[in-house]
């Protein structure tokens, strides 16, 4: 019996040492990055730019998997319940903090089952309108919207999506009625904006900027406190007196909450080196994404705070 216990202790020690060694050697194989939205979305485009450069920095291949469904819940759950070994990571947006407010039966707890790694950046939602609409300013729009009531409509990529939240905050700050039309995805909303079938859309900058530059749509306002460097002639919501409507959309990287700190720190350090490179900064700037330096604790606190705020906001909307 004593011999058995002695060998059990030895075996346990070996396994613990092997686990520690595995963490020290991370990453030693391919890493899977889950994006819970479809290809071509802003939450897909931005992380791909980041992961394309993070892989070489870590010395391993990072394969991106778009795992859609449930407003981002399907892909998020896959990572939250994955082995916490650093080989399955999540790229998500501010929608991560919205989903709990629209789905009370999530198979994971946003603030307990996931841990922050690094903030890639944030960008404004840009209010775009069909180019044939008569509104030249936000004031023009608000006067018309208040006169027309709910006949004014706007699109989003789904109830509770980040773009829906931005539009609702703008509507409430501007004190006007409007009809919400949810779509299955961004391309469908853009198609109806271009076709003049909806009046406005708070569009992610990565998608909106090319359309604005090509003259296919017009931008009336950006959703942040300050103007976007890529749209210096377009005012911010704070500038036009609608500070209560201010919002932006961030994109960051997360891992299962029990992932060893050594792995999180190594991934974060590599990510910071990537974000500091001029070519990376230029690539993000081109699509309207700006750096938002944060510690992992600051990110975790921000997500928790936004989850609580969105629960209140969407309960009010219902």
C-alpha atoms as a PDB file:
ATOM      1  CA  UNK A   1       0.000   0.000   0.000  1.00  0.00           C
ATOM      2  CA  UNK A   2       2.824   2.369   0.928  1.00  0.00           C
ATOM      3  CA  UNK A   3       4.579   1.524  -2.330  1.00  0.00           C
ATOM      4  CA  UNK A   4       1.404   2.303  -4.265  1.00  0.00           C
ATOM      5  CA  UNK A   5       0.983   5.658  -2.500  1.00  0.00           C
ATOM      6  CA  UNK A   6       4.644   6.496  -3.112  1.00  0.00           C
ATOM      7  CA  UNK A   7       4.307   5.808  -6.816  1.00  0.00           C
ATOM      8  CA  UNK A   8       1.031   7.739  -6.934  1.00  0.00           C
ATOM      9  CA  UNK A   9       2.773  10.771  -5.449  1.00  0.00           C
ATOM     10  CA  UNK A  10       5.610  10.422  -7.939  1.00  0.00           C
ATOM     11  CA  UNK A  11       3.167  10.134 -10.835  1.00  0.00           C
ATOM     12  CA  UNK A  12       1.208  13.169  -9.632  1.00  0.00           C
ATOM     13  CA  UNK A  13       4.420  15.187  -9.401  1.00  0.00           C
ATOM     14  CA  UNK A  14       5.420  14.148 -12.912  1.00  0.00           C
ATOM     15  CA  UNK A  15       2.016  15.152 -14.295  1.00  0.00           C
ATOM     16  CA  UNK A  16       2.142  18.515 -12.537  1.00  0.00           C
ATOM     17  CA  UNK A  17       5.644  19.139 -13.842  1.00  0.00           C
ATOM     18  CA  UNK A  18       4.527  18.146 -17.342  1.00  0.00           C
ATOM     19  CA  UNK A  19       1.577  20.563 -17.144  1.00  0.00           C
ATOM     20  CA  UNK A  20       3.846  23.354 -15.946  1.00  0.00           C
ATOM     21  CA  UNK A  21       6.321  22.547 -18.710  1.00  0.00           C
ATOM     22  CA  UNK A  22       3.496  22.631 -21.283  1.00  0.00           C
ATOM     23  CA  UNK A  23       2.490  26.098 -20.079  1.00  0.00           C
ATOM     24  CA  UNK A  24       6.107  27.263 -20.255  1.00  0.00           C
ATOM     25  CA  UNK A  25       6.402  26.028 -23.832  1.00  0.00           C
ATOM     26  CA  UNK A  26       3.112  27.550 -24.982  1.00  0.00           C
ATOM     27  CA  UNK A  27       2.337  27.743 -27.839  1.00  0.00           C
ATOM     28  CA  UNK A  28       3.632  24.441 -29.169  1.00  0.00           C
ATOM     29  CA  UNK A  29       0.852  23.828 -31.701  1.00  0.00           C
ATOM     30  CA  UNK A  30      -1.832  25.512 -33.790  1.00  0.00           C
ATOM     31  CA  UNK A  31      -4.140  28.045 -32.092  1.00  0.00           C
ATOM     32  CA  UNK A  32      -7.828  28.354 -33.016  1.00  0.00           C
ATOM     33  CA  UNK A  33      -9.375  31.811 -32.907  1.00  0.00           C
ATOM     34  CA  UNK A  34     -13.187  31.765 -32.848  1.00  0.00           C
ATOM     35  CA  UNK A  35     -15.094  34.725 -34.268  1.00  0.00           C
ATOM     36  CA  UNK A  36     -18.816  34.413 -33.420  1.00  0.00           C
ATOM     37  CA  UNK A  37     -20.016  36.400 -36.450  1.00  0.00           C
ATOM     38  CA  UNK A  38     -19.920  35.860 -40.185  1.00  0.00           C
ATOM     39  CA  UNK A  39     -17.091  36.624 -42.636  1.00  0.00           C
ATOM     40  CA  UNK A  40     -16.923  40.245 -43.744  1.00  0.00           C
ATOM     41  CA  UNK A  41     -18.477  41.705 -40.607  1.00  0.00           C
ATOM     42  CA  UNK A  42     -16.522  44.334 -38.663  1.00  0.00           C
ATOM     43  CA  UNK A  43     -16.045  41.804 -35.862  1.00  0.00           C
ATOM     44  CA  UNK A  44     -14.473  39.508 -38.458  1.00  0.00           C
ATOM     45  CA  UNK A  45     -12.338  41.961 -40.419  1.00  0.00           C
ATOM     46  CA  UNK A  46     -10.542  43.610 -37.480  1.00  0.00           C
ATOM     47  CA  UNK A  47      -9.483  40.439 -35.598  1.00  0.00           C
ATOM     48  CA  UNK A  48      -8.264  38.809 -38.817  1.00  0.00           C
ATOM     49  CA  UNK A  49      -5.866  41.703 -39.358  1.00  0.00           C
ATOM     50  CA  UNK A  50      -4.633  41.230 -35.793  1.00  0.00           C
ATOM     51  CA  UNK A  51      -4.348  37.422 -35.792  1.00  0.00           C
ATOM     52  CA  UNK A  52      -2.551  37.445 -39.142  1.00  0.00           C
ATOM     53  CA  UNK A  53       0.289  39.275 -37.408  1.00  0.00           C
ATOM     54  CA  UNK A  54      -0.024  37.677 -33.969  1.00  0.00           C
ATOM     55  CA  UNK A  55       0.698  34.177 -35.291  1.00  0.00           C
ATOM     56  CA  UNK A  56       4.244  34.962 -36.483  1.00  0.00           C
ATOM     57  CA  UNK A  57       4.907  36.910 -33.271  1.00  0.00           C
ATOM     58  CA  UNK A  58       4.029  33.795 -31.247  1.00  0.00           C
ATOM     59  CA  UNK A  59       5.737  31.439 -33.679  1.00  0.00           C
ATOM     60  CA  UNK A  60       2.560  29.467 -34.381  1.00  0.00           C
ATOM     61  CA  UNK A  61      -0.250  29.374 -36.914  1.00  0.00           C
ATOM     62  CA  UNK A  62      -3.563  30.912 -35.839  1.00  0.00           C
ATOM     63  CA  UNK A  63      -6.571  29.530 -37.690  1.00  0.00           C
ATOM     64  CA  UNK A  64      -9.733  31.643 -37.649  1.00  0.00           C
ATOM     65  CA  UNK A  65     -13.088  29.893 -37.372  1.00  0.00           C
ATOM     66  CA  UNK A  66     -16.339  31.789 -37.920  1.00  0.00           C
ATOM     67  CA  UNK A  67     -18.828  30.103 -35.602  1.00  0.00           C
ATOM     68  CA  UNK A  68     -22.077  31.978 -35.985  1.00  0.00           C
ATOM     69  CA  UNK A  69     -25.459  31.708 -34.319  1.00  0.00           C
ATOM     70  CA  UNK A  70     -27.450  33.037 -31.406  1.00  0.00           C
ATOM     71  CA  UNK A  71     -26.276  36.618 -31.866  1.00  0.00           C
ATOM     72  CA  UNK A  72     -22.713  35.519 -31.128  1.00  0.00           C
ATOM     73  CA  UNK A  73     -23.678  33.157 -28.283  1.00  0.00           C
ATOM     74  CA  UNK A  74     -22.798  29.924 -30.132  1.00  0.00           C
ATOM     75  CA  UNK A  75     -19.176  30.836 -30.817  1.00  0.00           C
ATOM     76  CA  UNK A  76     -18.760  32.459 -27.416  1.00  0.00           C
ATOM     77  CA  UNK A  77     -20.047  29.348 -25.637  1.00  0.00           C
ATOM     78  CA  UNK A  78     -17.625  27.168 -27.595  1.00  0.00           C
ATOM     79  CA  UNK A  79     -14.688  29.155 -26.219  1.00  0.00           C
ATOM     80  CA  UNK A  80     -16.079  29.644 -22.704  1.00  0.00           C
ATOM     81  CA  UNK A  81     -16.390  25.865 -22.330  1.00  0.00           C
ATOM     82  CA  UNK A  82     -13.153  24.989 -24.144  1.00  0.00           C
ATOM     83  CA  UNK A  83     -10.069  23.558 -22.490  1.00  0.00           C
ATOM     84  CA  UNK A  84      -8.314  26.518 -20.795  1.00  0.00           C
ATOM     85  CA  UNK A  85      -4.949  25.812 -22.392  1.00  0.00           C
ATOM     86  CA  UNK A  86      -4.479  28.862 -24.610  1.00  0.00           C
ATOM     87  CA  UNK A  87      -5.219  27.009 -27.836  1.00  0.00           C
ATOM     88  CA  UNK A  88      -8.805  28.253 -28.212  1.00  0.00           C
ATOM     89  CA  UNK A  89      -9.371  32.011 -28.073  1.00  0.00           C
ATOM     90  CA  UNK A  90     -12.288  34.316 -28.767  1.00  0.00           C
ATOM     91  CA  UNK A  91     -12.405  37.579 -30.688  1.00  0.00           C
ATOM     92  CA  UNK A  92     -15.526  39.524 -29.774  1.00  0.00           C
ATOM     93  CA  UNK A  93     -16.976  43.006 -29.819  1.00  0.00           C
ATOM     94  CA  UNK A  94     -19.095  45.116 -27.491  1.00  0.00           C
ATOM     95  CA  UNK A  95     -21.909  42.724 -28.439  1.00  0.00           C
ATOM     96  CA  UNK A  96     -20.369  40.375 -25.854  1.00  0.00           C
ATOM     97  CA  UNK A  97     -21.758  42.656 -23.139  1.00  0.00           C
ATOM     98  CA  UNK A  98     -25.149  42.945 -24.844  1.00  0.00           C
ATOM     99  CA  UNK A  99     -26.063  39.271 -25.321  1.00  0.00           C
ATOM    100  CA  UNK A 100     -26.848  38.642 -21.616  1.00  0.00           C
ATOM    101  CA  UNK A 101     -29.541  41.327 -21.801  1.00  0.00           C
ATOM    102  CA  UNK A 102     -31.378  39.615 -24.661  1.00  0.00           C
ATOM    103  CA  UNK A 103     -30.809  35.989 -23.714  1.00  0.00           C
ATOM    104  CA  UNK A 104     -31.353  35.036 -20.086  1.00  0.00           C
ATOM    105  CA  UNK A 105     -30.521  31.377 -20.784  1.00  0.00           C
ATOM    106  CA  UNK A 106     -26.964  31.594 -22.082  1.00  0.00           C
ATOM    107  CA  UNK A 107     -24.901  28.406 -21.605  1.00  0.00           C
ATOM    108  CA  UNK A 108     -22.101  30.500 -20.099  1.00  0.00           C
ATOM    109  CA  UNK A 109     -21.613  33.425 -17.735  1.00  0.00           C
ATOM    110  CA  UNK A 110     -19.993  36.321 -19.588  1.00  0.00           C
ATOM    111  CA  UNK A 111     -18.176  37.762 -16.596  1.00  0.00           C
ATOM    112  CA  UNK A 112     -17.207  34.458 -14.942  1.00  0.00           C
ATOM    113  CA  UNK A 113     -16.380  32.054 -17.782  1.00  0.00           C
ATOM    114  CA  UNK A 114     -14.237  34.387 -19.895  1.00  0.00           C
ATOM    115  CA  UNK A 115     -11.119  36.409 -19.145  1.00  0.00           C
ATOM    116  CA  UNK A 116      -9.766  39.366 -21.094  1.00  0.00           C
ATOM    117  CA  UNK A 117      -6.449  39.176 -22.920  1.00  0.00           C
ATOM    118  CA  UNK A 118      -6.081  42.316 -25.000  1.00  0.00           C
ATOM    119  CA  UNK A 119      -8.106  45.151 -26.504  1.00  0.00           C
ATOM    120  CA  UNK A 120      -7.458  45.421 -30.245  1.00  0.00           C
ATOM    121  CA  UNK A 121      -9.179  48.770 -30.508  1.00  0.00           C
ATOM    122  CA  UNK A 122     -12.439  50.676 -30.756  1.00  0.00           C
ATOM    123  CA  UNK A 123     -14.239  52.473 -33.517  1.00  0.00           C
ATOM    124  CA  UNK A 124     -17.346  54.612 -33.822  1.00  0.00           C
ATOM    125  CA  UNK A 125     -20.615  53.535 -35.273  1.00  0.00           C
ATOM    126  CA  UNK A 126     -21.312  55.938 -38.126  1.00  0.00           C
ATOM    127  CA  UNK A 127     -24.844  57.067 -38.863  1.00  0.00           C
ATOM    128  CA  UNK A 128     -25.198  56.621 -42.622  1.00  0.00           C
ATOM    129  CA  UNK A 129     -28.208  57.549 -44.745  1.00  0.00           C
ATOM    130  CA  UNK A 130     -29.166  57.006 -48.402  1.00  0.00           C
ATOM    131  CA  UNK A 131     -27.530  59.662 -50.557  1.00  0.00           C
ATOM    132  CA  UNK A 132     -30.909  60.855 -51.877  1.00  0.00           C
ATOM    133  CA  UNK A 133     -32.272  61.826 -48.439  1.00  0.00           C
ATOM    134  CA  UNK A 134     -32.631  65.609 -47.938  1.00  0.00           C
ATOM    135  CA  UNK A 135     -30.935  65.776 -44.520  1.00  0.00           C
ATOM    136  CA  UNK A 136     -27.599  67.591 -44.497  1.00  0.00           C
ATOM    137  CA  UNK A 137     -27.140  67.721 -40.716  1.00  0.00           C
ATOM    138  CA  UNK A 138     -28.307  65.891 -37.607  1.00  0.00           C
ATOM    139  CA  UNK A 139     -30.565  68.859 -36.818  1.00  0.00           C
ATOM    140  CA  UNK A 140     -32.224  68.483 -40.228  1.00  0.00           C
ATOM    141  CA  UNK A 141     -32.805  64.812 -39.525  1.00  0.00           C
ATOM    142  CA  UNK A 142     -34.185  65.354 -36.015  1.00  0.00           C
ATOM    143  CA  UNK A 143     -36.672  68.004 -37.142  1.00  0.00           C
ATOM    144  CA  UNK A 144     -37.984  65.705 -39.848  1.00  0.00           C
ATOM    145  CA  UNK A 145     -37.986  62.623 -37.609  1.00  0.00           C
ATOM    146  CA  UNK A 146     -39.981  64.375 -34.879  1.00  0.00           C
ATOM    147  CA  UNK A 147     -42.512  65.528 -37.456  1.00  0.00           C
ATOM    148  CA  UNK A 148     -42.895  62.130 -39.130  1.00  0.00           C
ATOM    149  CA  UNK A 149     -42.955  59.931 -36.035  1.00  0.00           C
ATOM    150  CA  UNK A 150     -42.552  56.199 -36.442  1.00  0.00           C
ATOM    151  CA  UNK A 151     -42.590  56.387 -40.252  1.00  0.00           C
ATOM    152  CA  UNK A 152     -38.819  56.957 -39.953  1.00  0.00           C
ATOM    153  CA  UNK A 153     -37.064  53.594 -39.860  1.00  0.00           C
ATOM    154  CA  UNK A 154     -33.606  52.238 -39.220  1.00  0.00           C
ATOM    155  CA  UNK A 155     -31.813  48.949 -39.741  1.00  0.00           C
ATOM    156  CA  UNK A 156     -29.624  46.780 -37.530  1.00  0.00           C
ATOM    157  CA  UNK A 157     -28.034  43.336 -37.610  1.00  0.00           C
ATOM    158  CA  UNK A 158     -30.453  42.091 -34.976  1.00  0.00           C
ATOM    159  CA  UNK A 159     -32.233  42.997 -31.758  1.00  0.00           C
ATOM    160  CA  UNK A 160     -29.657  43.770 -29.097  1.00  0.00           C
ATOM    161  CA  UNK A 161     -26.737  44.029 -31.525  1.00  0.00           C
ATOM    162  CA  UNK A 162     -24.178  46.783 -30.943  1.00  0.00           C
ATOM    163  CA  UNK A 163     -25.525  48.765 -33.897  1.00  0.00           C
ATOM    164  CA  UNK A 164     -29.075  48.412 -32.563  1.00  0.00           C
ATOM    165  CA  UNK A 165     -27.961  49.717 -29.168  1.00  0.00           C
ATOM    166  CA  UNK A 166     -26.220  52.696 -30.819  1.00  0.00           C
ATOM    167  CA  UNK A 167     -29.354  53.572 -32.804  1.00  0.00           C
ATOM    168  CA  UNK A 168     -31.617  53.239 -29.756  1.00  0.00           C
ATOM    169  CA  UNK A 169     -29.356  55.437 -27.634  1.00  0.00           C
ATOM    170  CA  UNK A 170     -29.349  58.035 -30.420  1.00  0.00           C
ATOM    171  CA  UNK A 171     -33.135  57.845 -30.758  1.00  0.00           C
ATOM    172  CA  UNK A 172     -33.678  58.316 -27.052  1.00  0.00           C
ATOM    173  CA  UNK A 173     -31.147  61.152 -26.812  1.00  0.00           C
ATOM    174  CA  UNK A 174     -32.767  62.852 -29.808  1.00  0.00           C
ATOM    175  CA  UNK A 175     -36.288  62.278 -28.420  1.00  0.00           C
ATOM    176  CA  UNK A 176     -37.925  60.923 -31.577  1.00  0.00           C
ATOM    177  CA  UNK A 177     -39.821  57.795 -32.597  1.00  0.00           C
ATOM    178  CA  UNK A 178     -38.600  55.358 -35.235  1.00  0.00           C
ATOM    179  CA  UNK A 179     -39.323  51.838 -36.437  1.00  0.00           C
ATOM    180  CA  UNK A 180     -36.561  49.277 -35.947  1.00  0.00           C
ATOM    181  CA  UNK A 181     -36.015  46.787 -38.774  1.00  0.00           C
ATOM    182  CA  UNK A 182     -33.682  43.932 -37.775  1.00  0.00           C
ATOM    183  CA  UNK A 183     -31.789  42.083 -40.521  1.00  0.00           C
ATOM    184  CA  UNK A 184     -29.873  38.806 -40.564  1.00  0.00           C
ATOM    185  CA  UNK A 185     -26.572  40.498 -41.310  1.00  0.00           C
ATOM    186  CA  UNK A 186     -24.725  43.653 -42.305  1.00  0.00           C
ATOM    187  CA  UNK A 187     -24.753  43.077 -46.104  1.00  0.00           C
ATOM    188  CA  UNK A 188     -28.572  42.999 -46.091  1.00  0.00           C
ATOM    189  CA  UNK A 189     -28.764  46.291 -44.166  1.00  0.00           C
ATOM    190  CA  UNK A 190     -26.279  47.928 -46.521  1.00  0.00           C
ATOM    191  CA  UNK A 191     -28.259  46.722 -49.538  1.00  0.00           C
ATOM    192  CA  UNK A 192     -31.402  48.425 -48.230  1.00  0.00           C
ATOM    193  CA  UNK A 193     -29.549  51.631 -47.320  1.00  0.00           C
ATOM    194  CA  UNK A 194     -28.114  51.770 -50.832  1.00  0.00           C
ATOM    195  CA  UNK A 195     -31.567  51.057 -52.241  1.00  0.00           C
ATOM    196  CA  UNK A 196     -33.163  53.786 -50.098  1.00  0.00           C
ATOM    197  CA  UNK A 197     -35.518  51.363 -48.370  1.00  0.00           C
ATOM    198  CA  UNK A 198     -34.452  52.356 -44.846  1.00  0.00           C
ATOM    199  CA  UNK A 199     -33.648  55.813 -43.507  1.00  0.00           C
ATOM    200  CA  UNK A 200     -30.546  55.295 -41.396  1.00  0.00           C
ATOM    201  CA  UNK A 201     -28.106  52.745 -40.033  1.00  0.00           C
ATOM    202  CA  UNK A 202     -25.468  53.078 -37.319  1.00  0.00           C
ATOM    203  CA  UNK A 203     -22.830  51.213 -39.272  1.00  0.00           C
ATOM    204  CA  UNK A 204     -19.430  49.970 -38.011  1.00  0.00           C
ATOM    205  CA  UNK A 205     -16.644  52.197 -39.302  1.00  0.00           C
ATOM    206  CA  UNK A 206     -14.821  49.344 -41.056  1.00  0.00           C
ATOM    207  CA  UNK A 207     -17.889  48.815 -43.276  1.00  0.00           C
ATOM    208  CA  UNK A 208     -19.057  52.420 -43.537  1.00  0.00           C
ATOM    209  CA  UNK A 209     -15.823  54.181 -44.515  1.00  0.00           C
ATOM    210  CA  UNK A 210     -15.434  52.653 -48.008  1.00  0.00           C
ATOM    211  CA  UNK A 211     -19.082  53.444 -48.811  1.00  0.00           C
ATOM    212  CA  UNK A 212     -18.684  57.030 -47.614  1.00  0.00           C
ATOM    213  CA  UNK A 213     -15.426  57.541 -49.520  1.00  0.00           C
ATOM    214  CA  UNK A 214     -17.034  56.216 -52.691  1.00  0.00           C
ATOM    215  CA  UNK A 215     -20.029  58.544 -52.299  1.00  0.00           C
ATOM    216  CA  UNK A 216     -22.539  55.697 -52.062  1.00  0.00           C
ATOM    217  CA  UNK A 217     -23.972  56.926 -48.740  1.00  0.00           C
ATOM    218  CA  UNK A 218     -23.750  60.058 -46.587  1.00  0.00           C
ATOM    219  CA  UNK A 219     -22.543  60.242 -42.990  1.00  0.00           C
ATOM    220  CA  UNK A 220     -24.395  62.538 -40.589  1.00  0.00           C
ATOM    221  CA  UNK A 221     -22.715  61.827 -37.256  1.00  0.00           C
ATOM    222  CA  UNK A 222     -20.327  59.466 -35.460  1.00  0.00           C
ATOM    223  CA  UNK A 223     -21.427  57.808 -32.246  1.00  0.00           C
ATOM    224  CA  UNK A 224     -18.450  58.796 -30.087  1.00  0.00           C
ATOM    225  CA  UNK A 225     -17.563  61.844 -27.985  1.00  0.00           C
ATOM    226  CA  UNK A 226     -14.873  63.004 -30.420  1.00  0.00           C
ATOM    227  CA  UNK A 227     -14.737  63.094 -34.192  1.00  0.00           C
ATOM    228  CA  UNK A 228     -13.154  60.226 -36.077  1.00  0.00           C
ATOM    229  CA  UNK A 229      -9.721  61.009 -37.552  1.00  0.00           C
ATOM    230  CA  UNK A 230     -10.914  59.348 -40.760  1.00  0.00           C
ATOM    231  CA  UNK A 231     -14.003  61.605 -40.978  1.00  0.00           C
ATOM    232  CA  UNK A 232     -12.822  65.017 -39.785  1.00  0.00           C
ATOM    233  CA  UNK A 233     -15.814  66.807 -41.324  1.00  0.00           C
ATOM    234  CA  UNK A 234     -18.443  64.643 -39.603  1.00  0.00           C
ATOM    235  CA  UNK A 235     -19.462  65.775 -36.092  1.00  0.00           C
ATOM    236  CA  UNK A 236     -19.717  63.525 -33.057  1.00  0.00           C
ATOM    237  CA  UNK A 237     -22.884  62.981 -31.040  1.00  0.00           C
ATOM    238  CA  UNK A 238     -21.372  64.877 -28.121  1.00  0.00           C
ATOM    239  CA  UNK A 239     -20.677  67.861 -30.383  1.00  0.00           C
ATOM    240  CA  UNK A 240     -24.287  68.074 -31.568  1.00  0.00           C
ATOM    241  CA  UNK A 241     -25.587  68.059 -27.995  1.00  0.00           C
ATOM    242  CA  UNK A 242     -26.551  64.375 -27.759  1.00  0.00           C
ATOM    243  CA  UNK A 243     -24.001  63.177 -25.220  1.00  0.00           C
ATOM    244  CA  UNK A 244     -26.465  60.660 -23.757  1.00  0.00           C
ATOM    245  CA  UNK A 245     -26.416  58.889 -27.100  1.00  0.00           C
ATOM    246  CA  UNK A 246     -22.638  58.392 -27.194  1.00  0.00           C
ATOM    247  CA  UNK A 247     -21.391  54.842 -27.769  1.00  0.00           C
ATOM    248  CA  UNK A 248     -18.594  53.076 -29.568  1.00  0.00           C
ATOM    249  CA  UNK A 249     -17.757  49.548 -30.566  1.00  0.00           C
ATOM    250  CA  UNK A 250     -14.680  47.790 -29.230  1.00  0.00           C
ATOM    251  CA  UNK A 251     -13.081  44.532 -30.307  1.00  0.00           C
ATOM    252  CA  UNK A 252     -10.929  42.413 -28.020  1.00  0.00           C
ATOM    253  CA  UNK A 253      -9.541  38.948 -27.401  1.00  0.00           C
ATOM    254  CA  UNK A 254     -10.711  36.611 -24.613  1.00  0.00           C
ATOM    255  CA  UNK A 255      -9.909  33.136 -23.296  1.00  0.00           C
ATOM    256  CA  UNK A 256     -11.604  30.667 -20.929  1.00  0.00           C
ATOM    257  CA  UNK A 257     -11.350  32.076 -17.422  1.00  0.00           C
ATOM    258  CA  UNK A 258      -9.174  29.265 -16.010  1.00  0.00           C
ATOM    259  CA  UNK A 259      -6.435  29.758 -18.610  1.00  0.00           C
ATOM    260  CA  UNK A 260      -3.086  29.966 -16.768  1.00  0.00           C
ATOM    261  CA  UNK A 261      -1.871  33.504 -16.153  1.00  0.00           C
ATOM    262  CA  UNK A 262       1.471  32.714 -17.779  1.00  0.00           C
ATOM    263  CA  UNK A 263      -0.261  31.972 -21.073  1.00  0.00           C
ATOM    264  CA  UNK A 264      -2.490  35.041 -20.891  1.00  0.00           C
ATOM    265  CA  UNK A 265       0.522  37.266 -20.203  1.00  0.00           C
ATOM    266  CA  UNK A 266       2.549  35.744 -23.038  1.00  0.00           C
ATOM    267  CA  UNK A 267      -0.332  36.193 -25.491  1.00  0.00           C
ATOM    268  CA  UNK A 268      -0.912  39.750 -24.304  1.00  0.00           C
ATOM    269  CA  UNK A 269       2.776  40.693 -24.548  1.00  0.00           C
ATOM    270  CA  UNK A 270       2.912  39.382 -28.115  1.00  0.00           C
ATOM    271  CA  UNK A 271      -0.313  41.239 -28.938  1.00  0.00           C
ATOM    272  CA  UNK A 272       1.056  44.513 -27.595  1.00  0.00           C
ATOM    273  CA  UNK A 273       4.112  44.135 -29.826  1.00  0.00           C
ATOM    274  CA  UNK A 274       1.826  43.574 -32.816  1.00  0.00           C
ATOM    275  CA  UNK A 275      -0.326  46.622 -32.016  1.00  0.00           C
ATOM    276  CA  UNK A 276       2.790  48.795 -31.660  1.00  0.00           C
ATOM    277  CA  UNK A 277       3.983  48.057 -35.195  1.00  0.00           C
ATOM    278  CA  UNK A 278       3.483  50.977 -37.634  1.00  0.00           C
ATOM    279  CA  UNK A 279       2.020  48.727 -40.334  1.00  0.00           C
ATOM    280  CA  UNK A 280      -0.573  47.374 -37.904  1.00  0.00           C
ATOM    281  CA  UNK A 281      -1.495  50.866 -36.737  1.00  0.00           C
ATOM    282  CA  UNK A 282      -1.844  51.983 -40.369  1.00  0.00           C
ATOM    283  CA  UNK A 283      -4.054  48.983 -41.222  1.00  0.00           C
ATOM    284  CA  UNK A 284      -6.380  49.664 -38.290  1.00  0.00           C
ATOM    285  CA  UNK A 285      -6.441  53.419 -38.877  1.00  0.00           C
ATOM    286  CA  UNK A 286      -7.560  52.851 -42.458  1.00  0.00           C
ATOM    287  CA  UNK A 287     -10.742  51.170 -41.217  1.00  0.00           C
ATOM    288  CA  UNK A 288     -11.358  53.658 -38.418  1.00  0.00           C
ATOM    289  CA  UNK A 289     -10.117  51.560 -35.483  1.00  0.00           C
ATOM    290  CA  UNK A 290      -8.225  53.428 -32.783  1.00  0.00           C
ATOM    291  CA  UNK A 291      -6.145  51.981 -29.924  1.00  0.00           C
ATOM    292  CA  UNK A 292      -7.669  51.801 -26.458  1.00  0.00           C
ATOM    293  CA  UNK A 293      -4.860  50.856 -24.063  1.00  0.00           C
ATOM    294  CA  UNK A 294      -6.244  48.743 -21.212  1.00  0.00           C
ATOM    295  CA  UNK A 295      -5.009  46.227 -18.686  1.00  0.00           C
ATOM    296  CA  UNK A 296      -6.776  42.872 -18.490  1.00  0.00           C
ATOM    297  CA  UNK A 297      -8.439  43.972 -15.241  1.00  0.00           C
ATOM    298  CA  UNK A 298      -9.661  47.188 -16.850  1.00  0.00           C
ATOM    299  CA  UNK A 299     -11.129  45.141 -19.705  1.00  0.00           C
ATOM    300  CA  UNK A 300     -12.842  42.721 -17.338  1.00  0.00           C
ATOM    301  CA  UNK A 301     -14.258  45.634 -15.316  1.00  0.00           C
ATOM    302  CA  UNK A 302     -15.451  47.377 -18.491  1.00  0.00           C
ATOM    303  CA  UNK A 303     -17.281  44.264 -19.712  1.00  0.00           C
ATOM    304  CA  UNK A 304     -18.974  43.794 -16.325  1.00  0.00           C
ATOM    305  CA  UNK A 305     -20.039  47.431 -16.252  1.00  0.00           C
ATOM    306  CA  UNK A 306     -21.441  47.285 -19.805  1.00  0.00           C
ATOM    307  CA  UNK A 307     -23.312  44.046 -19.096  1.00  0.00           C
ATOM    308  CA  UNK A 308     -25.065  45.736 -16.173  1.00  0.00           C
ATOM    309  CA  UNK A 309     -25.842  48.903 -18.162  1.00  0.00           C
ATOM    310  CA  UNK A 310     -27.254  46.975 -21.130  1.00  0.00           C
ATOM    311  CA  UNK A 311     -29.499  44.912 -18.876  1.00  0.00           C
ATOM    312  CA  UNK A 312     -31.074  48.175 -17.708  1.00  0.00           C
ATOM    313  CA  UNK A 313     -31.240  49.732 -21.197  1.00  0.00           C
ATOM    314  CA  UNK A 314     -32.839  46.772 -22.947  1.00  0.00           C
ATOM    315  CA  UNK A 315     -35.255  46.137 -20.070  1.00  0.00           C
ATOM    316  CA  UNK A 316     -36.403  49.748 -20.520  1.00  0.00           C
ATOM    317  CA  UNK A 317     -36.772  49.258 -24.277  1.00  0.00           C
ATOM    318  CA  UNK A 318     -38.924  46.193 -23.785  1.00  0.00           C
END
